[in-house]
Amino acid sequence: MSRLAIIMKGYPRLSETFIAQEILGLEQRGIRALIVALRKPYDPFIHEVHRQISADVLYLPEYLKDDPARVARARKWAKAQPTYATARALFEADYARESNAGRQRRWGQACVLAHELPDDIAWIHTHYLHTPCSVARYAAHLSGRRWSFSAHAKDIWTSPEWDLRTKLDDAAWGVTCTKVNADHLNALSATPGKVELLYHGLDFSPFPAPSPTPASADGGAGGPVRILSVGRAVEKKGYDDLLAALAALPDGLDWHFDHIGGGELAAALAAEADRLGLSSRITWHGARPREDVIAAAQRADLFVLASKVAKSGDRDGLPNVLMEAQAMGLCCLATQVSAIPELIRDGETGVLVPPGDPAALGAALQRLMRDPAQRDRLGRAAADDVRARFSSAPGLDRLAERFRPLLAEPVAAQ
């Protein structure tokens, strides 16, 4: 059987365990792959799932100036291909709409990818509809292959509509991980139904079952409440709102907040916490591997994610961290953004508040902190629900079903 080329922005990445989980799941179902990354990893750790993946990795030059000789060889090869004129015309049409260095870089990376793809690659699949998709699309046309995509969150909501329509109409098919995403993309596509809803779900085997011991911490006589959040320090995660909510809690309420994750706003958030007088009650752990996240969740009493729509339009899809916390029976407080209500039913399997509303967030925080019995009830209901509805196996089975006949065909037939 031929192999699948999986294109992504960077690999491995701590914040993209869902992609690593998918690659491993496909390998376990007999789908062999080549991982192609537009840049090398920057994260200081990897997850155990990355160690289990056996696929080779091809790194493209992140910037064309990084390896000009490699790029020059690829460009020379590309110009000699019978597919060059058609592929170049696609790039020129895009460049006329978005004439910047980034678009030129994608063309150069696509030339390198098409030139260096092994002969046994029968199909190209890209994660994300923004820059990795541009590279995948141009390389597919240059190399005479077809392609498909998985769309997630930022790539959908920060890409211009013309770019999304162009890619949707060019791809053979696509999948996305939330109903909100699927409805939006299918409305843009000239072929209704081209984009299939496929929850990526979770492999629950690494996550311990809920503790049999009922919760007791109530911020008073029952002891301090440990609040946990896991997420990158970026605008869409709403950590500024969470800090404001924490600052408004009554002085007599005993709590400690643990944050896990890197991100461009980490230093600014720590400074804001200091300004608000919260530093003694907050531990900023930075990026950590999954084992540390699990251990922190087992110590925690409440998980909070204050997601919102960023000024750029970027937003969460269906955050894995919420599913992970729920799987361990940890009560979750989150916001009504994107697909989060597809996961959490307010008052039944967690608590939802409006996004960008620190007052509502703080009120819900205080209620849950003072009521361990409610946290316990919501956490246990969430664990049963998420394990029943969001297992990764059905989605992986469906993807393998779609890829298997494509990889069984001779490469020349593509």
Protein backbone atom coordinates (compact mmCIF):
# COMPACT_ATOMS: atom_id res chain seq x y z
CA MET A 1 0.00 0.00 0.00
CA SER A 2 1.18 3.51 -0.81
CA ARG A 3 1.70 6.21 1.79
CA LEU A 4 -0.15 9.38 2.73
CA ALA A 5 1.67 12.72 3.04
CA ILE A 6 0.33 14.69 6.02
CA ILE A 7 1.16 18.40 5.86
CA MET A 8 1.17 20.61 8.96
CA LYS A 9 2.74 23.83 10.15
CA GLY A 10 5.04 22.35 12.79
CA TYR A 11 5.76 18.95 14.26
CA PRO A 12 5.75 17.88 17.01
CA ARG A 13 3.74 20.50 18.91
CA LEU A 14 2.50 20.22 22.50
CA SER A 15 -0.74 22.02 21.64
CA GLU A 16 -1.60 19.62 18.80
CA THR A 17 -1.93 16.27 20.52
CA PHE A 18 -5.12 15.68 18.52
CA ILE A 19 -3.07 15.58 15.30
CA ALA A 20 -0.46 13.26 16.78
CA GLN A 21 -3.22 11.04 18.14
CA GLU A 22 -4.78 10.92 14.68
CA ILE A 23 -1.50 9.97 12.98
CA LEU A 24 -0.86 7.20 15.51
CA GLY A 25 -4.45 5.97 15.19
CA LEU A 26 -4.14 5.80 11.40
CA GLU A 27 -0.86 3.90 11.71
CA GLN A 28 -2.60 1.41 14.00
CA ARG A 29 -5.23 0.98 11.26
CA GLY A 30 -2.62 0.23 8.60
CA ILE A 31 -2.38 3.72 7.05
CA ARG A 32 1.28 4.54 6.49
CA ALA A 33 2.25 8.20 6.37
CA LEU A 34 5.00 10.71 5.77
CA ILE A 35 4.77 13.74 8.06
CA VAL A 36 5.67 17.02 6.35
CA ALA A 37 6.22 20.09 8.54
CA LEU A 38 6.70 23.68 7.42
CA ARG A 39 8.98 24.29 10.40
CA LYS A 40 10.89 22.41 13.06
CA PRO A 41 9.57 22.18 16.63
CA TYR A 42 10.00 25.00 19.13
CA ASP A 43 8.37 23.33 22.15
CA PRO A 44 10.72 22.15 24.93
CA PHE A 45 8.92 18.82 25.43
CA ILE A 46 7.09 16.16 23.45
CA HIS A 47 4.19 13.95 24.49
CA GLU A 48 4.36 10.18 24.81
CA VAL A 49 2.13 9.85 21.73
CA HIS A 50 4.88 11.46 19.63
CA ARG A 51 7.31 8.75 20.72
CA GLN A 52 4.90 6.07 19.53
CA ILE A 53 4.57 7.41 15.98
CA SER A 54 6.82 5.63 13.49
CA ALA A 55 6.26 7.85 10.41
CA ASP A 56 9.23 9.60 8.84
CA VAL A 57 9.29 13.40 9.02
CA LEU A 58 10.24 15.75 6.17
CA TYR A 59 10.99 19.33 7.24
CA LEU A 60 10.61 22.02 4.60
CA PRO A 61 12.70 25.19 4.87
CA GLU A 62 10.76 27.51 7.18
CA TYR A 63 12.14 30.49 5.25
CA LEU A 64 13.42 30.17 1.69
CA LYS A 65 16.66 31.93 2.67
CA ASP A 66 17.37 29.10 5.13
CA ASP A 67 18.41 26.75 2.29
CA PRO A 68 18.61 28.66 -1.02
CA ALA A 69 20.35 25.80 -2.85
CA ARG A 70 17.58 23.37 -1.94
CA VAL A 71 14.93 25.85 -3.03
CA ALA A 72 16.76 26.58 -6.31
CA ARG A 73 16.94 22.88 -7.18
CA ALA A 74 13.23 22.51 -6.49
CA ARG A 75 12.29 25.54 -8.58
CA LYS A 76 14.39 24.27 -11.51
CA TRP A 77 12.73 20.84 -11.27
CA ALA A 78 9.26 22.41 -11.03
CA LYS A 79 9.73 24.49 -14.19
CA ALA A 80 10.52 21.34 -16.13
CA GLN A 81 7.28 19.59 -15.14
CA PRO A 82 4.28 19.44 -17.51
CA THR A 83 2.13 20.48 -14.55
CA TYR A 84 4.06 23.70 -13.93
CA ALA A 85 1.97 26.16 -15.92
CA THR A 86 -1.30 25.09 -14.28
CA ALA A 87 0.14 25.06 -10.75
CA ARG A 88 1.89 28.40 -11.25
CA ALA A 89 -1.36 29.93 -12.51
CA LEU A 90 -3.08 28.92 -9.26
CA PHE A 91 -0.34 30.62 -7.28
CA GLU A 92 -0.44 33.74 -9.47
CA ALA A 93 -4.21 34.03 -8.98
CA ASP A 94 -3.78 33.81 -5.20
CA TYR A 95 -0.85 36.22 -5.24
CA ALA A 96 -2.94 38.78 -7.08
CA ARG A 97 -5.33 38.72 -4.12
CA GLU A 98 -2.63 38.51 -1.43
CA SER A 99 0.68 39.87 -2.73
CA ASN A 100 3.01 39.38 0.21
CA ALA A 101 6.21 37.53 1.11
CA GLY A 102 4.28 34.84 2.95
CA ARG A 103 2.43 33.80 -0.19
CA GLN A 104 5.72 33.65 -2.14
CA ARG A 105 7.21 31.52 0.61
CA ARG A 106 4.34 29.03 0.30
CA TRP A 107 5.05 28.66 -3.40
CA GLY A 108 8.74 28.03 -2.75
CA GLN A 109 7.93 25.50 -0.03
CA ALA A 110 5.47 23.80 -2.38
CA CYS A 111 8.17 23.43 -5.02
CA VAL A 112 10.45 21.78 -2.46
CA LEU A 113 7.65 19.49 -1.27
CA ALA A 114 6.61 18.42 -4.77
CA HIS A 115 10.25 17.82 -5.74
CA GLU A 116 11.07 15.77 -2.66
CA LEU A 117 7.88 13.72 -2.23
CA PRO A 118 8.81 10.02 -2.40
CA ASP A 119 7.32 8.01 -5.25
CA ASP A 120 5.13 5.97 -2.91
CA ILE A 121 3.10 9.00 -1.79
CA ALA A 122 -0.34 8.57 -3.36
CA TRP A 123 -2.35 11.29 -1.60
CA ILE A 124 -1.77 14.59 0.20
CA HIS A 125 -3.72 15.53 3.32
CA THR A 126 -3.24 18.83 5.12
CA HIS A 127 -4.10 19.91 8.64
CA TYR A 128 -5.43 23.47 8.65
CA LEU A 129 -6.83 25.52 5.78
CA HIS A 130 -4.40 28.45 6.01
CA THR A 131 -0.67 28.32 5.19
CA PRO A 132 -0.13 24.51 5.30
CA CYS A 133 -3.06 24.12 2.92
CA SER A 134 -1.60 26.60 0.43
CA VAL A 135 1.63 24.60 0.34
CA ALA A 136 -0.24 21.30 0.05
CA ARG A 137 -2.48 22.58 -2.73
CA TYR A 138 0.31 23.97 -4.92
CA ALA A 139 2.45 20.85 -4.33
CA ALA A 140 -0.46 18.56 -5.20
CA HIS A 141 -0.94 20.26 -8.57
CA LEU A 142 2.80 20.35 -9.26
CA SER A 143 3.21 16.65 -8.48
CA GLY A 144 0.02 15.46 -10.15
CA ARG A 145 -1.61 14.25 -6.93
CA ARG A 146 -4.97 14.95 -5.32
CA TRP A 147 -5.51 16.31 -1.84
CA SER A 148 -7.85 16.66 1.12
CA PHE A 149 -7.86 18.58 4.39
CA SER A 150 -8.74 18.67 8.06
CA ALA A 151 -9.93 22.12 9.22
CA HIS A 152 -9.90 23.14 12.86
CA ALA A 153 -10.33 26.68 14.25
CA LYS A 154 -7.92 29.55 13.60
CA ASP A 155 -7.46 28.46 10.00
CA ILE A 156 -11.20 28.80 9.37
CA TRP A 157 -12.00 31.98 11.24
CA THR A 158 -8.97 34.10 10.33
CA SER A 159 -8.70 33.19 6.64
CA PRO A 160 -10.30 35.49 4.05
CA GLU A 161 -13.46 34.11 2.51
CA TRP A 162 -12.04 34.09 -1.03
CA ASP A 163 -9.14 31.91 0.13
CA LEU A 164 -11.44 29.44 1.86
CA ARG A 165 -13.74 29.20 -1.18
CA THR A 166 -10.78 28.61 -3.50
CA LYS A 167 -9.40 25.80 -1.38
CA LEU A 168 -12.76 24.22 -0.64
CA ASP A 169 -13.58 24.02 -4.33
CA ASP A 170 -10.14 22.65 -5.24
CA ALA A 171 -9.92 19.93 -2.58
CA ALA A 172 -11.28 16.45 -3.20
CA TRP A 173 -12.92 16.46 0.25
CA GLY A 174 -12.42 17.69 3.77
CA VAL A 175 -13.28 17.03 7.39
CA THR A 176 -13.64 19.32 10.39
CA CYS A 177 -14.03 18.77 14.11
CA THR A 178 -17.16 20.75 15.03
CA LYS A 179 -20.67 21.23 13.68
CA VAL A 180 -20.19 25.01 13.75
CA ASN A 181 -17.18 24.61 11.45
CA ALA A 182 -18.89 22.13 9.14
CA ASP A 183 -21.96 24.32 8.65
CA HIS A 184 -19.81 27.38 7.92
CA LEU A 185 -17.50 25.66 5.44
CA ASN A 186 -20.26 23.83 3.60
CA ALA A 187 -22.07 27.14 3.17
CA LEU A 188 -18.96 28.49 1.43
CA SER A 189 -18.36 25.45 -0.76
CA ALA A 190 -19.74 25.15 -4.27
CA THR A 191 -20.35 21.48 -3.43
CA PRO A 192 -22.64 21.21 -0.40
CA GLY A 193 -21.65 18.38 1.90
CA LYS A 194 -18.02 18.32 0.75
CA VAL A 195 -16.90 18.92 4.35
CA GLU A 196 -17.76 16.14 6.78
CA LEU A 197 -18.18 16.61 10.54
CA LEU A 198 -15.70 14.32 12.25
CA TYR A 199 -15.04 14.85 15.95
CA HIS A 200 -11.40 14.04 16.57
CA GLY A 201 -12.28 12.91 20.10
CA LEU A 202 -9.81 11.42 22.54
CA ASP A 203 -7.99 8.21 23.24
CA PHE A 204 -9.04 7.96 26.88
CA SER A 205 -6.56 5.23 27.85
CA PRO A 206 -3.94 7.64 29.32
CA PHE A 207 -6.50 9.37 31.53
CA PRO A 208 -7.41 7.98 34.95
CA ALA A 209 -11.06 7.53 35.87
CA PRO A 210 -12.64 9.99 38.30
CA SER A 211 -11.52 9.67 41.91
CA PRO A 212 -13.92 7.66 44.09
CA THR A 213 -13.43 10.23 46.87
CA PRO A 214 -16.05 13.01 46.78
CA ALA A 215 -14.82 16.58 46.49
CA SER A 216 -14.58 18.54 49.76
CA ALA A 217 -12.60 21.76 49.15
CA ASP A 218 -14.88 24.80 49.47
CA GLY A 219 -12.48 27.70 49.96
CA GLY A 220 -13.26 27.76 53.66
CA ALA A 221 -13.20 25.10 56.35
CA GLY A 222 -13.06 22.41 53.68
CA GLY A 223 -9.74 23.73 52.42
CA PRO A 224 -8.49 25.83 49.48
CA VAL A 225 -9.93 25.24 46.02
CA ARG A 226 -7.30 24.45 43.38
CA ILE A 227 -8.27 25.92 40.02
CA LEU A 228 -6.54 24.67 36.87
CA SER A 229 -6.41 25.96 33.30
CA VAL A 230 -4.40 24.54 30.43
CA GLY A 231 -3.98 26.57 27.28
CA ARG A 232 -1.68 28.83 25.34
CA ALA A 233 -1.37 32.37 26.63
CA VAL A 234 -3.04 33.97 23.61
CA GLU A 235 -5.97 36.36 23.27
CA LYS A 236 -8.62 33.79 22.36
CA LYS A 237 -8.09 31.85 25.61
CA GLY A 238 -9.44 34.76 27.66
CA TYR A 239 -6.91 34.67 30.48
CA ASP A 240 -7.26 38.41 30.96
CA ASP A 241 -10.95 37.83 31.76
CA LEU A 242 -10.07 34.98 34.10
CA LEU A 243 -7.58 37.14 36.02
CA ALA A 244 -10.22 39.86 36.36
CA ALA A 245 -12.71 37.28 37.65
CA LEU A 246 -10.21 35.91 40.17
CA ALA A 247 -9.38 39.43 41.39
CA ALA A 248 -13.08 40.03 42.15
CA LEU A 249 -13.47 36.95 44.38
CA PRO A 250 -14.17 37.66 48.07
CA ASP A 251 -11.08 38.06 50.25
CA GLY A 252 -12.20 35.26 52.57
CA LEU A 253 -12.35 32.65 49.81
CA ASP A 254 -9.24 30.44 49.82
CA TRP A 255 -7.99 29.33 46.38
CA HIS A 256 -4.93 28.76 44.21
CA PHE A 257 -4.75 28.96 40.42
CA ASP A 258 -2.38 26.82 38.32
CA HIS A 259 -1.81 27.63 34.65
CA ILE A 260 -0.07 25.28 32.22
CA GLY A 261 0.93 26.48 28.76
CA GLY A 262 3.32 28.72 26.90
CA GLY A 263 2.33 31.56 24.60
CA GLU A 264 3.11 35.08 23.52
CA LEU A 265 1.10 36.74 26.31
CA ALA A 266 2.62 34.76 29.20
CA ALA A 267 4.80 37.58 30.51
CA ALA A 268 2.04 40.17 30.14
CA LEU A 269 -0.43 37.96 32.04
CA ALA A 270 2.03 37.38 34.87
CA ALA A 271 2.56 41.15 35.09
CA GLU A 272 -1.20 41.73 35.16
CA ALA A 273 -1.60 39.15 37.93
CA ASP A 274 1.07 40.98 39.91
CA ARG A 275 -0.70 44.32 39.37
CA LEU A 276 -3.94 42.79 40.63
CA GLY A 277 -2.22 41.44 43.74
CA LEU A 278 -2.77 37.81 42.74
CA SER A 279 0.79 36.56 42.27
CA SER A 280 0.97 34.72 45.60
CA ARG A 281 -2.08 32.68 44.60
CA ILE A 282 -0.98 31.78 41.05
CA THR A 283 1.62 29.37 39.71
CA TRP A 284 2.61 29.79 36.06
CA HIS A 285 4.03 26.42 35.04
CA GLY A 286 4.75 27.14 31.37
CA ALA A 287 4.54 24.42 28.74
CA ARG A 288 4.50 20.92 30.20
CA PRO A 289 4.14 17.38 28.79
CA ARG A 290 0.85 15.52 29.08
CA GLU A 291 1.98 13.49 32.12
CA ASP A 292 2.36 16.73 34.09
CA VAL A 293 -1.02 17.99 32.88
CA ILE A 294 -2.70 14.78 34.09
CA ALA A 295 -1.00 15.05 37.48
CA ALA A 296 -2.13 18.68 37.82
CA ALA A 297 -5.71 17.72 36.93
CA GLN A 298 -5.72 15.02 39.59
CA ARG A 299 -4.75 17.65 42.19
CA ALA A 300 -7.29 20.20 40.95
CA ASP A 301 -10.85 20.84 42.11
CA LEU A 302 -12.09 22.92 39.16
CA PHE A 303 -11.02 23.44 35.54
CA VAL A 304 -11.62 26.84 33.89
CA LEU A 305 -11.27 27.92 30.26
CA ALA A 306 -12.49 31.45 29.47
CA SER A 307 -12.33 31.23 25.66
CA LYS A 308 -13.54 34.15 23.53
CA VAL A 309 -13.36 35.40 19.94
CA ALA A 310 -10.12 37.33 19.40
CA LYS A 311 -10.03 40.63 17.52
CA SER A 312 -8.61 38.75 14.51
CA GLY A 313 -11.63 36.42 14.51
CA ASP A 314 -9.57 33.54 15.90
CA ARG A 315 -11.40 31.29 18.34
CA ASP A 316 -11.28 27.82 19.83
CA GLY A 317 -12.90 24.87 18.12
CA LEU A 318 -13.49 22.02 20.53
CA PRO A 319 -10.59 22.26 23.02
CA ASN A 320 -9.03 18.91 23.85
CA VAL A 321 -8.12 20.20 27.31
CA LEU A 322 -11.80 20.36 28.23
CA MET A 323 -12.38 16.78 27.11
CA GLU A 324 -9.28 15.65 29.01
CA ALA A 325 -10.42 17.37 32.21
CA GLN A 326 -13.92 15.95 31.87
CA ALA A 327 -12.59 12.44 31.27
CA MET A 328 -10.95 12.60 34.72
CA GLY A 329 -14.14 13.80 36.36
CA LEU A 330 -12.95 17.37 36.85
CA CYS A 331 -15.79 19.90 36.84
CA CYS A 332 -15.37 22.40 33.97
CA LEU A 333 -16.37 26.06 33.80
CA ALA A 334 -16.13 27.39 30.25
CA THR A 335 -17.72 29.86 27.84
CA GLN A 336 -20.36 29.69 25.12
CA VAL A 337 -17.91 29.97 22.22
CA SER A 338 -17.79 28.02 18.98
CA ALA A 339 -18.29 24.30 19.61
CA ILE A 340 -17.84 24.27 23.39
CA PRO A 341 -21.65 23.96 23.85
CA GLU A 342 -21.45 20.84 21.64
CA LEU A 343 -19.34 19.32 24.43
CA ILE A 344 -20.64 20.86 27.66
CA ARG A 345 -24.34 20.99 28.53
CA ASP A 346 -24.78 23.87 30.94
CA GLY A 347 -25.89 22.68 34.37
CA GLU A 348 -25.68 19.02 33.35
CA THR A 349 -22.06 18.26 32.44
CA GLY A 350 -20.43 21.56 33.40
CA VAL A 351 -21.14 25.27 33.56
CA LEU A 352 -21.11 27.75 30.67
CA VAL A 353 -21.06 31.56 30.85
CA PRO A 354 -21.00 34.23 28.13
CA PRO A 355 -17.55 34.94 26.66
CA GLY A 356 -15.76 38.16 27.50
CA ASP A 357 -17.78 38.64 30.70
CA PRO A 358 -15.48 38.59 33.78
CA ALA A 359 -18.41 39.37 36.12
CA ALA A 360 -20.41 36.33 34.98
CA LEU A 361 -17.26 34.20 35.06
CA GLY A 362 -16.46 35.36 38.60
CA ALA A 363 -19.98 34.69 39.84
CA ALA A 364 -19.92 31.15 38.43
CA LEU A 365 -16.44 30.60 39.87
CA GLN A 366 -17.59 31.62 43.33
CA ARG A 367 -20.68 29.38 43.20
CA LEU A 368 -18.69 26.34 42.12
CA MET A 369 -15.86 26.96 44.57
CA ARG A 370 -18.28 27.06 47.51
CA ASP A 371 -20.23 23.97 46.39
CA PRO A 372 -18.06 20.82 46.20
CA ALA A 373 -21.15 18.61 45.90
CA GLN A 374 -22.19 20.37 42.69
CA ARG A 375 -18.66 20.14 41.29
CA ASP A 376 -18.62 16.45 42.09
CA ARG A 377 -22.00 15.85 40.42
CA LEU A 378 -21.10 17.81 37.26
CA GLY A 379 -17.64 16.25 37.01
CA ARG A 380 -18.90 12.68 37.24
CA ALA A 381 -21.70 13.33 34.76
CA ALA A 382 -19.17 14.89 32.37
CA ALA A 383 -16.83 11.90 32.62
CA ASP A 384 -19.62 9.49 31.66
CA ASP A 385 -20.79 11.75 28.84
CA VAL A 386 -17.45 12.57 27.22
CA ARG A 387 -16.26 8.97 27.33
CA ALA A 388 -19.50 7.87 25.64
CA ARG A 389 -19.73 10.59 22.96
CA PHE A 390 -16.16 11.64 22.18
CA SER A 391 -14.03 8.55 21.82
CA SER A 392 -11.45 8.97 19.05
CA ALA A 393 -12.10 5.50 17.60
CA PRO A 394 -15.13 6.27 15.38
CA GLY A 395 -13.45 9.28 13.77
CA LEU A 396 -10.23 7.36 13.17
CA ASP A 397 -12.16 4.45 11.69
CA ARG A 398 -13.91 6.85 9.31
CA LEU A 399 -10.68 8.54 8.21
CA ALA A 400 -8.99 5.19 7.62
CA GLU A 401 -12.03 4.14 5.58
CA ARG A 402 -11.64 7.23 3.38
CA PHE A 403 -7.88 6.92 2.94
CA ARG A 404 -7.58 3.16 2.43
CA PRO A 405 -8.93 2.92 -1.17
CA LEU A 406 -6.95 6.05 -2.19
CA LEU A 407 -3.69 4.50 -1.03
CA ALA A 408 -4.49 1.15 -2.60
CA GLU A 409 -4.49 2.74 -6.07
CA PRO A 410 -1.24 2.93 -8.07
CA VAL A 411 0.47 6.28 -7.56
CA ALA A 412 0.48 6.93 -11.31
CA ALA A 413 -3.32 6.88 -11.27
CA GLN A 414 -3.38 10.04 -9.17
